[in-house]
C-alpha cells in the first residue's frame, strides 16, 4: 500500500508482490501470475488489496479454497477470549 501511496503505478505495485518475486526466486513458471497450468494460488479481496481496510474474502492454495481454515490468531482468540475471571487477591 505504501508504494502506491508514494506514487508507484498500481499495476507495478501488484507485480512487486506477485510476478517479480516469483521471477527473482526462479519459480515464475509455477506461481506469480494467473495462467493455465500454474498452481492457482489466488486471493479475492473485498476491495483494493493495497488498502489497509480491505479483507481477503476467498483464498485458494493450489486450487483448493483455504480461507475458512482457522489462523493462529483465531486459535489464540478462541483460547483466551472465554477464560474465567481471575480471582482478586
PDB file of N, CA and C in Angstrom:
ATOM      1  N   UNK A   1       0.793  -1.187   0.000  1.00  0.00           N
ATOM      2  CA  UNK A   1       0.000   0.000   0.000  1.00  0.00           C
ATOM      3  C   UNK A   1       0.840   1.258   0.000  1.00  0.00           C
ATOM      4  N   UNK A   2       1.972   1.229   0.710  1.00  0.00           N
ATOM      5  CA  UNK A   2       2.800   2.423   0.776  1.00  0.00           C
ATOM      6  C   UNK A   2       3.377   2.784  -0.578  1.00  0.00           C
ATOM      7  N   UNK A   3       3.749   1.795  -1.363  1.00  0.00           N
ATOM      8  CA  UNK A   3       4.337   2.099  -2.668  1.00  0.00           C
ATOM      9  C   UNK A   3       3.348   2.844  -3.554  1.00  0.00           C
ATOM     10  N   UNK A   4       2.081   2.462  -3.525  1.00  0.00           N
ATOM     11  CA  UNK A   4       1.055   3.151  -4.307  1.00  0.00           C
ATOM     12  C   UNK A   4       0.820   4.540  -3.723  1.00  0.00           C
ATOM     13  N   UNK A   5       0.783   4.639  -2.408  1.00  0.00           N
ATOM     14  CA  UNK A   5       0.579   5.937  -1.759  1.00  0.00           C
ATOM     15  C   UNK A   5       1.682   6.922  -2.117  1.00  0.00           C
ATOM     16  N   UNK A   6       2.883   6.406  -2.359  1.00  0.00           N
ATOM     17  CA  UNK A   6       4.009   7.272  -2.706  1.00  0.00           C
ATOM     18  C   UNK A   6       4.244   7.353  -4.206  1.00  0.00           C
ATOM     19  N   UNK A   7       3.237   6.944  -4.993  1.00  0.00           N
ATOM     20  CA  UNK A   7       3.277   7.215  -6.422  1.00  0.00           C
ATOM     21  C   UNK A   7       3.591   6.059  -7.349  1.00  0.00           C
ATOM     22  N   UNK A   8       3.804   4.856  -6.835  1.00  0.00           N
ATOM     23  CA  UNK A   8       4.070   3.749  -7.748  1.00  0.00           C
ATOM     24  C   UNK A   8       2.794   3.393  -8.505  1.00  0.00           C
ATOM     25  N   UNK A   9       2.940   3.099  -9.760  1.00  0.00           N
ATOM     26  CA  UNK A   9       1.847   2.636 -10.611  1.00  0.00           C
ATOM     27  C   UNK A   9       1.206   1.403  -9.970  1.00  0.00           C
ATOM     28  N   UNK A  10      -0.150   1.325  -9.962  1.00  0.00           N
ATOM     29  CA  UNK A  10      -0.858   0.229  -9.303  1.00  0.00           C
ATOM     30  C   UNK A  10      -0.472  -1.124  -9.901  1.00  0.00           C
ATOM     31  N   UNK A  11      -0.382  -1.212 -11.228  1.00  0.00           N
ATOM     32  CA  UNK A  11      -0.021  -2.485 -11.867  1.00  0.00           C
ATOM     33  C   UNK A  11       1.373  -2.941 -11.441  1.00  0.00           C
ATOM     34  N   UNK A  12       2.316  -2.016 -11.355  1.00  0.00           N
ATOM     35  CA  UNK A  12       3.663  -2.379 -10.912  1.00  0.00           C
ATOM     36  C   UNK A  12       3.680  -2.756  -9.435  1.00  0.00           C
ATOM     37  N   UNK A  13       2.840  -2.110  -8.636  1.00  0.00           N
ATOM     38  CA  UNK A  13       2.746  -2.483  -7.219  1.00  0.00           C
ATOM     39  C   UNK A  13       2.261  -3.921  -7.085  1.00  0.00           C
ATOM     40  N   UNK A  14       1.272  -4.302  -7.889  1.00  0.00           N
ATOM     41  CA  UNK A  14       0.777  -5.679  -7.850  1.00  0.00           C
ATOM     42  C   UNK A  14       1.860  -6.659  -8.299  1.00  0.00           C
ATOM     43  N   UNK A  15       2.563  -6.329  -9.363  1.00  0.00           N
ATOM     44  CA  UNK A  15       3.654  -7.200  -9.825  1.00  0.00           C
ATOM     45  C   UNK A  15       4.760  -7.310  -8.784  1.00  0.00           C
ATOM     46  N   UNK A  16       4.951  -6.261  -7.986  1.00  0.00           N
ATOM     47  CA  UNK A  16       6.021  -6.285  -6.986  1.00  0.00           C
ATOM     48  C   UNK A  16       5.740  -7.258  -5.845  1.00  0.00           C
ATOM     49  N   UNK A  17       4.489  -7.716  -5.721  1.00  0.00           N
ATOM     50  CA  UNK A  17       4.157  -8.707  -4.687  1.00  0.00           C
ATOM     51  C   UNK A  17       3.690 -10.029  -5.293  1.00  0.00           C
ATOM     52  N   UNK A  18       3.763 -10.152  -6.609  1.00  0.00           N
ATOM     53  CA  UNK A  18       3.319 -11.390  -7.270  1.00  0.00           C
ATOM     54  C   UNK A  18       4.377 -11.883  -8.256  1.00  0.00           C
ATOM     55  N   UNK A  19       4.371 -11.335  -9.439  1.00  0.00           N
ATOM     56  CA  UNK A  19       5.218 -11.826 -10.530  1.00  0.00           C
ATOM     57  C   UNK A  19       6.705 -11.597 -10.291  1.00  0.00           C
ATOM     58  N   UNK A  20       7.085 -10.397  -9.911  1.00  0.00           N
ATOM     59  CA  UNK A  20       8.511 -10.100  -9.791  1.00  0.00           C
ATOM     60  C   UNK A  20       9.221 -10.934  -8.735  1.00  0.00           C
ATOM     61  N   UNK A  21       8.657 -11.151  -7.536  1.00  0.00           N
ATOM     62  CA  UNK A  21       9.332 -12.061  -6.600  1.00  0.00           C
ATOM     63  C   UNK A  21       9.442 -13.486  -7.160  1.00  0.00           C
ATOM     64  N   UNK A  22       8.400 -13.937  -7.868  1.00  0.00           N
ATOM     65  CA  UNK A  22       8.449 -15.274  -8.469  1.00  0.00           C
ATOM     66  C   UNK A  22       9.584 -15.357  -9.483  1.00  0.00           C
ATOM     67  N   UNK A  23       9.777 -14.296 -10.256  1.00  0.00           N
ATOM     68  CA  UNK A  23      10.882 -14.278 -11.223  1.00  0.00           C
ATOM     69  C   UNK A  23      12.231 -14.274 -10.507  1.00  0.00           C
ATOM     70  N   UNK A  24      12.348 -13.475  -9.455  1.00  0.00           N
ATOM     71  CA  UNK A  24      13.606 -13.394  -8.702  1.00  0.00           C
ATOM     72  C   UNK A  24      13.981 -14.750  -8.114  1.00  0.00           C
ATOM     73  N   UNK A  25      12.988 -15.480  -7.597  1.00  0.00           N
ATOM     74  CA  UNK A  25      13.257 -16.779  -6.981  1.00  0.00           C
ATOM     75  C   UNK A  25      13.242 -17.934  -7.976  1.00  0.00           C
ATOM     76  N   UNK A  26      13.037 -17.633  -9.247  1.00  0.00           N
ATOM     77  CA  UNK A  26      13.095 -18.666 -10.279  1.00  0.00           C
ATOM     78  C   UNK A  26      11.920 -19.621 -10.296  1.00  0.00           C
ATOM     79  N   UNK A  27      10.759 -19.179  -9.826  1.00  0.00           N
ATOM     80  CA  UNK A  27       9.588 -20.049  -9.792  1.00  0.00           C
ATOM     81  C   UNK A  27       8.421 -19.485 -10.605  1.00  0.00           C
ATOM     82  N   UNK A  28       8.703 -18.524 -11.474  1.00  0.00           N
ATOM     83  CA  UNK A  28       7.628 -17.874 -12.225  1.00  0.00           C
ATOM     84  C   UNK A  28       6.972 -18.794 -13.251  1.00  0.00           C
ATOM     85  N   UNK A  29       7.541 -19.974 -13.457  1.00  0.00           N
ATOM     86  CA  UNK A  29       6.883 -20.954 -14.324  1.00  0.00           C
ATOM     87  C   UNK A  29       5.724 -21.642 -13.595  1.00  0.00           C
ATOM     88  N   UNK A  30       5.648 -21.470 -12.245  1.00  0.00           N
ATOM     89  CA  UNK A  30       4.595 -22.110 -11.448  1.00  0.00           C
ATOM     90  C   UNK A  30       3.683 -21.117 -10.732  1.00  0.00           C
ATOM     91  N   UNK A  31       4.240 -20.002 -10.281  1.00  0.00           N
ATOM     92  CA  UNK A  31       3.480 -19.024  -9.489  1.00  0.00           C
ATOM     93  C   UNK A  31       3.807 -17.605  -9.950  1.00  0.00           C
ATOM     94  N   UNK A  32       3.012 -16.658  -9.471  1.00  0.00           N
ATOM     95  CA  UNK A  32       3.284 -15.256  -9.746  1.00  0.00           C
ATOM     96  C   UNK A  32       2.336 -14.611 -10.727  1.00  0.00           C
ATOM     97  N   UNK A  33       1.640 -15.416 -11.507  1.00  0.00           N
ATOM     98  CA  UNK A  33       0.651 -14.885 -12.455  1.00  0.00           C
ATOM     99  C   UNK A  33      -0.400 -15.957 -12.713  1.00  0.00           C
ATOM    100  N   UNK A  34      -1.549 -15.502 -13.196  1.00  0.00           N
ATOM    101  CA  UNK A  34      -2.649 -16.433 -13.482  1.00  0.00           C
ATOM    102  C   UNK A  34      -2.564 -16.887 -14.929  1.00  0.00           C
ATOM    103  N   UNK A  35      -2.188 -18.134 -15.109  1.00  0.00           N
ATOM    104  CA  UNK A  35      -2.088 -18.722 -16.438  1.00  0.00           C
ATOM    105  C   UNK A  35      -2.413 -20.208 -16.337  1.00  0.00           C
ATOM    106  N   UNK A  36      -2.910 -20.801 -17.428  1.00  0.00           N
ATOM    107  CA  UNK A  36      -3.181 -22.242 -17.409  1.00  0.00           C
ATOM    108  C   UNK A  36      -1.926 -23.029 -17.032  1.00  0.00           C
ATOM    109  N   UNK A  37      -2.115 -24.040 -16.184  1.00  0.00           N
ATOM    110  CA  UNK A  37      -1.012 -24.895 -15.779  1.00  0.00           C
ATOM    111  C   UNK A  37      -0.258 -24.414 -14.556  1.00  0.00           C
ATOM    112  N   UNK A  38      -0.602 -23.248 -14.043  1.00  0.00           N
ATOM    113  CA  UNK A  38       0.071 -22.724 -12.846  1.00  0.00           C
ATOM    114  C   UNK A  38      -0.606 -23.277 -11.595  1.00  0.00           C
ATOM    115  N   UNK A  39      -0.049 -23.002 -10.421  1.00  0.00           N
ATOM    116  CA  UNK A  39      -0.526 -23.593  -9.165  1.00  0.00           C
ATOM    117  C   UNK A  39      -1.871 -23.071  -8.683  1.00  0.00           C
ATOM    118  N   UNK A  40      -2.369 -22.007  -9.210  1.00  0.00           N
ATOM    119  CA  UNK A  40      -3.684 -21.456  -8.832  1.00  0.00           C
ATOM    120  C   UNK A  40      -3.728 -21.007  -7.380  1.00  0.00           C
ATOM    121  N   UNK A  41      -2.720 -20.244  -6.967  1.00  0.00           N
ATOM    122  CA  UNK A  41      -2.735 -19.578  -5.670  1.00  0.00           C
ATOM    123  C   UNK A  41      -3.346 -18.204  -5.902  1.00  0.00           C
ATOM    124  N   UNK A  42      -4.566 -18.002  -5.400  1.00  0.00           N
ATOM    125  CA  UNK A  42      -5.331 -16.799  -5.728  1.00  0.00           C
ATOM    126  C   UNK A  42      -6.000 -16.251  -4.474  1.00  0.00           C
ATOM    127  N   UNK A  43      -6.025 -14.922  -4.363  1.00  0.00           N
ATOM    128  CA  UNK A  43      -6.755 -14.248  -3.291  1.00  0.00           C
ATOM    129  C   UNK A  43      -7.747 -13.293  -3.929  1.00  0.00           C
ATOM    130  N   UNK A  44      -9.006 -13.355  -3.503  1.00  0.00           N
ATOM    131  CA  UNK A  44     -10.030 -12.397  -3.929  1.00  0.00           C
ATOM    132  C   UNK A  44     -10.261 -11.460  -2.753  1.00  0.00           C
ATOM    133  N   UNK A  45     -10.057 -10.170  -2.988  1.00  0.00           N
ATOM    134  CA  UNK A  45     -10.140  -9.155  -1.943  1.00  0.00           C
ATOM    135  C   UNK A  45     -11.485  -8.449  -1.971  1.00  0.00           C
ATOM    136  N   UNK A  46     -11.872  -7.861  -0.843  1.00  0.00           N
ATOM    137  CA  UNK A  46     -13.124  -7.107  -0.749  1.00  0.00           C
ATOM    138  C   UNK A  46     -13.018  -5.759  -1.449  1.00  0.00           C
ATOM    139  N   UNK A  47     -11.833  -5.332  -1.755  1.00  0.00           N
ATOM    140  CA  UNK A  47     -11.588  -4.052  -2.423  1.00  0.00           C
ATOM    141  C   UNK A  47     -10.157  -4.012  -2.915  1.00  0.00           C
ATOM    142  N   UNK A  48      -9.576  -2.837  -2.918  1.00  0.00           N
ATOM    143  CA  UNK A  48      -8.194  -2.654  -3.357  1.00  0.00           C
ATOM    144  C   UNK A  48      -7.260  -3.391  -2.396  1.00  0.00           C
ATOM    145  N   UNK A  49      -6.464  -4.350  -2.883  1.00  0.00           N
ATOM    146  CA  UNK A  49      -5.607  -5.117  -1.979  1.00  0.00           C
ATOM    147  C   UNK A  49      -4.529  -4.281  -1.298  1.00  0.00           C
ATOM    148  N   UNK A  50      -4.312  -3.063  -1.770  1.00  0.00           N
ATOM    149  CA  UNK A  50      -3.300  -2.206  -1.161  1.00  0.00           C
ATOM    150  C   UNK A  50      -3.873  -1.250  -0.114  1.00  0.00           C
ATOM    151  N   UNK A  51      -5.139  -1.396   0.204  1.00  0.00           N
ATOM    152  CA  UNK A  51      -5.766  -0.588   1.252  1.00  0.00           C
ATOM    153  C   UNK A  51      -5.825  -1.408   2.540  1.00  0.00           C
ATOM    154  N   UNK A  52      -5.530  -0.771   3.659  1.00  0.00           N
ATOM    155  CA  UNK A  52      -5.497  -1.475   4.941  1.00  0.00           C
ATOM    156  C   UNK A  52      -6.854  -2.025   5.356  1.00  0.00           C
ATOM    157  N   UNK A  53      -7.938  -1.405   4.914  1.00  0.00           N
ATOM    158  CA  UNK A  53      -9.271  -1.848   5.327  1.00  0.00           C
ATOM    159  C   UNK A  53      -9.799  -3.009   4.490  1.00  0.00           C
ATOM    160  N   UNK A  54      -9.083  -3.381   3.446  1.00  0.00           N
ATOM    161  CA  UNK A  54      -9.516  -4.466   2.568  1.00  0.00           C
ATOM    162  C   UNK A  54      -9.250  -5.810   3.227  1.00  0.00           C
ATOM    163  N   UNK A  55     -10.197  -6.736   3.067  1.00  0.00           N
ATOM    164  CA  UNK A  55     -10.067  -8.077   3.653  1.00  0.00           C
ATOM    165  C   UNK A  55     -10.048  -9.133   2.561  1.00  0.00           C
ATOM    166  N   UNK A  56      -9.359 -10.213   2.823  1.00  0.00           N
ATOM    167  CA  UNK A  56      -9.392 -11.358   1.913  1.00  0.00           C
ATOM    168  C   UNK A  56     -10.740 -12.047   2.071  1.00  0.00           C
ATOM    169  N   UNK A  57     -11.457 -12.215   0.968  1.00  0.00           N
ATOM    170  CA  UNK A  57     -12.759 -12.883   1.006  1.00  0.00           C
ATOM    171  C   UNK A  57     -12.658 -14.348   0.604  1.00  0.00           C
ATOM    172  N   UNK A  58     -11.758 -14.656  -0.285  1.00  0.00           N
ATOM    173  CA  UNK A  58     -11.538 -16.037  -0.730  1.00  0.00           C
ATOM    174  C   UNK A  58     -10.044 -16.229  -0.954  1.00  0.00           C
ATOM    175  N   UNK A  59      -9.525 -17.386  -0.540  1.00  0.00           N
ATOM    176  CA  UNK A  59      -8.122 -17.725  -0.744  1.00  0.00           C
ATOM    177  C   UNK A  59      -8.058 -19.146  -1.280  1.00  0.00           C
ATOM    178  N   UNK A  60      -7.363 -19.324  -2.400  1.00  0.00           N
ATOM    179  CA  UNK A  60      -7.129 -20.653  -2.949  1.00  0.00           C
ATOM    180  C   UNK A  60      -5.631 -20.914  -2.956  1.00  0.00           C
ATOM    181  N   UNK A  61      -5.237 -22.071  -2.448  1.00  0.00           N
ATOM    182  CA  UNK A  61      -3.853 -22.513  -2.485  1.00  0.00           C
ATOM    183  C   UNK A  61      -3.819 -23.792  -3.295  1.00  0.00           C
ATOM    184  N   UNK A  62      -3.092 -23.743  -4.401  1.00  0.00           N
ATOM    185  CA  UNK A  62      -3.037 -24.863  -5.352  1.00  0.00           C
ATOM    186  C   UNK A  62      -4.433 -25.322  -5.745  1.00  0.00           C
ATOM    187  N   UNK A  63      -5.324 -24.351  -5.939  1.00  0.00           N
ATOM    188  CA  UNK A  63      -6.668 -24.636  -6.419  1.00  0.00           C
ATOM    189  C   UNK A  63      -7.674 -25.054  -5.368  1.00  0.00           C
ATOM    190  N   UNK A  64      -7.267 -25.103  -4.095  1.00  0.00           N
ATOM    191  CA  UNK A  64      -8.168 -25.511  -3.015  1.00  0.00           C
ATOM    192  C   UNK A  64      -8.468 -24.296  -2.142  1.00  0.00           C
ATOM    193  N   UNK A  65      -9.773 -24.003  -1.927  1.00  0.00           N
ATOM    194  CA  UNK A  65     -10.127 -22.843  -1.109  1.00  0.00           C
ATOM    195  C   UNK A  65      -9.723 -23.083   0.340  1.00  0.00           C
ATOM    196  N   UNK A  66      -9.064 -22.091   0.943  1.00  0.00           N
ATOM    197  CA  UNK A  66      -8.499 -22.243   2.283  1.00  0.00           C
ATOM    198  C   UNK A  66      -8.933 -21.191   3.281  1.00  0.00           C
ATOM    199  N   UNK A  67      -9.680 -20.186   2.905  1.00  0.00           N
ATOM    200  CA  UNK A  67      -9.940 -19.067   3.794  1.00  0.00           C
ATOM    201  C   UNK A  67     -10.653 -19.457   5.075  1.00  0.00           C
ATOM    202  N   UNK A  68     -11.505 -20.448   5.044  1.00  0.00           N
ATOM    203  CA  UNK A  68     -12.282 -20.791   6.231  1.00  0.00           C
ATOM    204  C   UNK A  68     -11.488 -21.549   7.286  1.00  0.00           C
ATOM    205  N   UNK A  69     -10.235 -21.865   6.993  1.00  0.00           N
ATOM    206  CA  UNK A  69      -9.412 -22.527   7.993  1.00  0.00           C
ATOM    207  C   UNK A  69      -9.026 -21.522   9.070  1.00  0.00           C
ATOM    208  N   UNK A  70      -8.910 -21.992  10.291  1.00  0.00           N
ATOM    209  CA  UNK A  70      -8.557 -21.095  11.389  1.00  0.00           C
ATOM    210  C   UNK A  70      -7.074 -20.738  11.324  1.00  0.00           C
ATOM    211  N   UNK A  71      -6.800 -19.463  11.548  1.00  0.00           N
ATOM    212  CA  UNK A  71      -5.427 -18.990  11.615  1.00  0.00           C
ATOM    213  C   UNK A  71      -4.922 -19.117  13.046  1.00  0.00           C
ATOM    214  N   UNK A  72      -3.645 -18.912  13.240  1.00  0.00           N
ATOM    215  CA  UNK A  72      -3.087 -18.930  14.590  1.00  0.00           C
ATOM    216  C   UNK A  72      -3.761 -17.857  15.441  1.00  0.00           C
ATOM    217  N   UNK A  73      -4.029 -16.701  14.842  1.00  0.00           N
ATOM    218  CA  UNK A  73      -4.708 -15.629  15.574  1.00  0.00           C
ATOM    219  C   UNK A  73      -6.097 -16.071  16.024  1.00  0.00           C
ATOM    220  N   UNK A  74      -6.829 -16.763  15.132  1.00  0.00           N
ATOM    221  CA  UNK A  74      -8.150 -17.279  15.509  1.00  0.00           C
ATOM    222  C   UNK A  74      -8.043 -18.250  16.681  1.00  0.00           C
ATOM    223  N   UNK A  75      -7.069 -19.146  16.617  1.00  0.00           N
ATOM    224  CA  UNK A  75      -6.900 -20.135  17.681  1.00  0.00           C
ATOM    225  C   UNK A  75      -6.576 -19.466  19.014  1.00  0.00           C
ATOM    226  N   UNK A  76      -5.714 -18.446  18.993  1.00  0.00           N
ATOM    227  CA  UNK A  76      -5.380 -17.737  20.227  1.00  0.00           C
ATOM    228  C   UNK A  76      -6.582 -16.976  20.774  1.00  0.00           C
ATOM    229  N   UNK A  77      -7.358 -16.362  19.887  1.00  0.00           N
ATOM    230  CA  UNK A  77      -8.563 -15.655  20.325  1.00  0.00           C
ATOM    231  C   UNK A  77      -9.522 -16.621  20.998  1.00  0.00           C
ATOM    232  N   UNK A  78      -9.764 -17.768  20.363  1.00  0.00           N
ATOM    233  CA  UNK A  78     -10.653 -18.778  20.947  1.00  0.00           C
ATOM    234  C   UNK A  78     -10.144 -19.231  22.314  1.00  0.00           C
ATOM    235  N   UNK A  79      -8.832 -19.373  22.428  1.00  0.00           N
ATOM    236  CA  UNK A  79      -8.240 -19.884  23.661  1.00  0.00           C
ATOM    237  C   UNK A  79      -8.399 -18.909  24.830  1.00  0.00           C
ATOM    238  N   UNK A  80      -8.218 -17.621  24.563  1.00  0.00           N
ATOM    239  CA  UNK A  80      -8.165 -16.656  25.661  1.00  0.00           C
ATOM    240  C   UNK A  80      -9.428 -15.824  25.846  1.00  0.00           C
ATOM    241  N   UNK A  81     -10.320 -15.812  24.893  1.00  0.00           N
ATOM    242  CA  UNK A  81     -11.499 -14.960  24.972  1.00  0.00           C
ATOM    243  C   UNK A  81     -12.427 -15.329  26.122  1.00  0.00           C
ATOM    244  N   UNK A  82     -12.605 -16.608  26.375  1.00  0.00           N
ATOM    245  CA  UNK A  82     -13.585 -17.049  27.367  1.00  0.00           C
ATOM    246  C   UNK A  82     -12.957 -17.628  28.634  1.00  0.00           C
ATOM    247  N   UNK A  83     -11.786 -17.136  28.984  1.00  0.00           N
ATOM    248  CA  UNK A  83     -11.170 -17.590  30.231  1.00  0.00           C
ATOM    249  C   UNK A  83     -11.994 -17.100  31.416  1.00  0.00           C
ATOM    250  N   UNK A  84     -12.063 -17.882  32.493  1.00  0.00           N
ATOM    251  CA  UNK A  84     -12.787 -17.411  33.683  1.00  0.00           C
ATOM    252  C   UNK A  84     -12.054 -16.206  34.270  1.00  0.00           C
ATOM    253  N   UNK A  85     -12.806 -15.318  34.930  1.00  0.00           N
ATOM    254  CA  UNK A  85     -12.162 -14.144  35.544  1.00  0.00           C
ATOM    255  C   UNK A  85     -11.165 -14.582  36.609  1.00  0.00           C
ATOM    256  N   UNK A  86     -10.092 -13.829  36.715  1.00  0.00           N
ATOM    257  CA  UNK A  86      -9.082 -14.142  37.732  1.00  0.00           C
ATOM    258  C   UNK A  86      -9.578 -13.721  39.104  1.00  0.00           C
ATOM    259  N   UNK A  87      -9.239 -14.506  40.086  1.00  0.00           N
ATOM    260  CA  UNK A  87      -9.619 -14.168  41.468  1.00  0.00           C
ATOM    261  C   UNK A  87      -8.825 -12.945  41.915  1.00  0.00           C
ATOM    262  N   UNK A  88      -9.486 -12.043  42.607  1.00  0.00           N
ATOM    263  CA  UNK A  88      -8.812 -10.852  43.126  1.00  0.00           C
ATOM    264  C   UNK A  88      -8.180 -11.217  44.453  1.00  0.00           C
ATOM    265  N   UNK A  89      -6.934 -10.908  44.601  1.00  0.00           N
ATOM    266  CA  UNK A  89      -6.217 -11.242  45.844  1.00  0.00           C
ATOM    267  C   UNK A  89      -5.970 -10.014  46.651  1.00  0.00           C
TER     268      UNK A  89
END
